[in-house]
């Protein structure tokens, strides 16, 4: 008693185009973003205002998502001889 109709849709494999073509999600949202988080640390406006140089660029990478064993961390080591 149920009549189902399907419409073939082309794959959107470019993240920027996918966001532009966002469809209403099953949860009632107005986008197709699976996860979003924001970190606020420090005074960003002051950092830009006091900077000697500001470089603006757009970067992209292949599809990626964190895996359960992956943390969001960083390890850095200062090299006195090289100055960084």
C-alpha atoms as a PDB file:
ATOM      1  CA  UNK A   1       0.000   0.000   0.000  1.00  0.00           C
ATOM      2  CA  UNK A   2       3.050   2.256  -0.064  1.00  0.00           C
ATOM      3  CA  UNK A   3       4.203   3.809  -3.318  1.00  0.00           C
ATOM      4  CA  UNK A   4       7.819   5.012  -3.222  1.00  0.00           C
ATOM      5  CA  UNK A   5       9.447   7.176  -5.873  1.00  0.00           C
ATOM      6  CA  UNK A   6      13.201   7.680  -6.081  1.00  0.00           C
ATOM      7  CA  UNK A   7      15.039  10.445  -7.890  1.00  0.00           C
ATOM      8  CA  UNK A   8      18.613   9.791  -8.952  1.00  0.00           C
ATOM      9  CA  UNK A   9      20.946  12.464  -7.618  1.00  0.00           C
ATOM     10  CA  UNK A  10      24.499  13.021  -8.769  1.00  0.00           C
ATOM     11  CA  UNK A  11      27.276  12.574  -6.228  1.00  0.00           C
ATOM     12  CA  UNK A  12      28.736  15.750  -4.763  1.00  0.00           C
ATOM     13  CA  UNK A  13      32.329  14.972  -3.831  1.00  0.00           C
ATOM     14  CA  UNK A  14      33.525  18.544  -3.348  1.00  0.00           C
ATOM     15  CA  UNK A  15      32.955  19.797   0.215  1.00  0.00           C
ATOM     16  CA  UNK A  16      32.451  23.412  -0.835  1.00  0.00           C
ATOM     17  CA  UNK A  17      29.795  22.475  -3.401  1.00  0.00           C
ATOM     18  CA  UNK A  18      28.195  20.086  -0.913  1.00  0.00           C
ATOM     19  CA  UNK A  19      27.729  22.903   1.593  1.00  0.00           C
ATOM     20  CA  UNK A  20      26.195  25.098  -1.096  1.00  0.00           C
ATOM     21  CA  UNK A  21      23.795  22.304  -2.043  1.00  0.00           C
ATOM     22  CA  UNK A  22      22.977  21.416   1.564  1.00  0.00           C
ATOM     23  CA  UNK A  23      19.743  19.536   1.958  1.00  0.00           C
ATOM     24  CA  UNK A  24      17.440  19.465   4.946  1.00  0.00           C
ATOM     25  CA  UNK A  25      18.696  16.773   7.311  1.00  0.00           C
ATOM     26  CA  UNK A  26      16.561  14.049   8.855  1.00  0.00           C
ATOM     27  CA  UNK A  27      16.883  15.888  12.182  1.00  0.00           C
ATOM     28  CA  UNK A  28      15.182  18.942  10.742  1.00  0.00           C
ATOM     29  CA  UNK A  29      18.322  21.042  10.401  1.00  0.00           C
ATOM     30  CA  UNK A  30      18.975  23.271   7.433  1.00  0.00           C
ATOM     31  CA  UNK A  31      22.388  21.850   6.511  1.00  0.00           C
ATOM     32  CA  UNK A  32      24.346  18.658   6.010  1.00  0.00           C
ATOM     33  CA  UNK A  33      27.128  19.328   8.527  1.00  0.00           C
ATOM     34  CA  UNK A  34      27.835  16.171  10.530  1.00  0.00           C
ATOM     35  CA  UNK A  35      29.876  17.820  13.291  1.00  0.00           C
ATOM     36  CA  UNK A  36      31.008  21.290  14.236  1.00  0.00           C
ATOM     37  CA  UNK A  37      33.088  22.519  17.163  1.00  0.00           C
ATOM     38  CA  UNK A  38      34.622  25.835  18.104  1.00  0.00           C
ATOM     39  CA  UNK A  39      37.542  26.609  20.396  1.00  0.00           C
ATOM     40  CA  UNK A  40      37.972  30.107  21.822  1.00  0.00           C
ATOM     41  CA  UNK A  41      41.426  30.801  23.249  1.00  0.00           C
ATOM     42  CA  UNK A  42      43.105  34.162  23.663  1.00  0.00           C
ATOM     43  CA  UNK A  43      42.309  37.556  22.161  1.00  0.00           C
ATOM     44  CA  UNK A  44      42.139  37.006  18.392  1.00  0.00           C
ATOM     45  CA  UNK A  45      41.392  40.659  17.596  1.00  0.00           C
ATOM     46  CA  UNK A  46      44.474  41.806  19.529  1.00  0.00           C
ATOM     47  CA  UNK A  47      46.639  39.160  17.862  1.00  0.00           C
ATOM     48  CA  UNK A  48      45.653  40.412  14.394  1.00  0.00           C
ATOM     49  CA  UNK A  49      45.929  44.068  15.417  1.00  0.00           C
ATOM     50  CA  UNK A  50      49.448  43.564  16.841  1.00  0.00           C
ATOM     51  CA  UNK A  51      50.740  41.331  14.018  1.00  0.00           C
ATOM     52  CA  UNK A  52      53.554  42.481  11.758  1.00  0.00           C
ATOM     53  CA  UNK A  53      52.266  40.329   8.902  1.00  0.00           C
ATOM     54  CA  UNK A  54      48.897  38.742   8.171  1.00  0.00           C
ATOM     55  CA  UNK A  55      48.671  36.116   5.433  1.00  0.00           C
ATOM     56  CA  UNK A  56      45.251  34.963   4.279  1.00  0.00           C
ATOM     57  CA  UNK A  57      44.947  31.758   2.261  1.00  0.00           C
ATOM     58  CA  UNK A  58      42.384  29.057   1.562  1.00  0.00           C
ATOM     59  CA  UNK A  59      43.360  25.408   1.990  1.00  0.00           C
ATOM     60  CA  UNK A  60      41.540  22.176   1.273  1.00  0.00           C
ATOM     61  CA  UNK A  61      42.137  18.535   2.035  1.00  0.00           C
ATOM     62  CA  UNK A  62      40.509  15.233   1.240  1.00  0.00           C
ATOM     63  CA  UNK A  63      37.575  13.939   3.239  1.00  0.00           C
ATOM     64  CA  UNK A  64      38.640  13.326   6.818  1.00  0.00           C
ATOM     65  CA  UNK A  65      37.144  12.716  10.213  1.00  0.00           C
ATOM     66  CA  UNK A  66      38.665  11.892  13.570  1.00  0.00           C
ATOM     67  CA  UNK A  67      38.856   8.254  14.590  1.00  0.00           C
ATOM     68  CA  UNK A  68      38.029   6.996  18.101  1.00  0.00           C
ATOM     69  CA  UNK A  69      41.678   6.585  19.147  1.00  0.00           C
ATOM     70  CA  UNK A  70      42.756   9.937  17.748  1.00  0.00           C
ATOM     71  CA  UNK A  71      42.972  12.872  20.114  1.00  0.00           C
ATOM     72  CA  UNK A  72      43.135  16.476  19.117  1.00  0.00           C
ATOM     73  CA  UNK A  73      46.583  17.260  20.429  1.00  0.00           C
ATOM     74  CA  UNK A  74      49.952  18.647  19.464  1.00  0.00           C
ATOM     75  CA  UNK A  75      53.524  17.954  20.469  1.00  0.00           C
ATOM     76  CA  UNK A  76      56.132  20.626  19.767  1.00  0.00           C
ATOM     77  CA  UNK A  77      59.806  21.021  20.605  1.00  0.00           C
ATOM     78  CA  UNK A  78      61.778  24.291  20.586  1.00  0.00           C
ATOM     79  CA  UNK A  79      65.119  24.072  18.757  1.00  0.00           C
ATOM     80  CA  UNK A  80      67.422  26.703  20.274  1.00  0.00           C
ATOM     81  CA  UNK A  81      69.971  26.385  17.463  1.00  0.00           C
ATOM     82  CA  UNK A  82      67.457  26.931  14.659  1.00  0.00           C
ATOM     83  CA  UNK A  83      65.369  29.532  16.530  1.00  0.00           C
ATOM     84  CA  UNK A  84      62.098  27.681  16.135  1.00  0.00           C
END
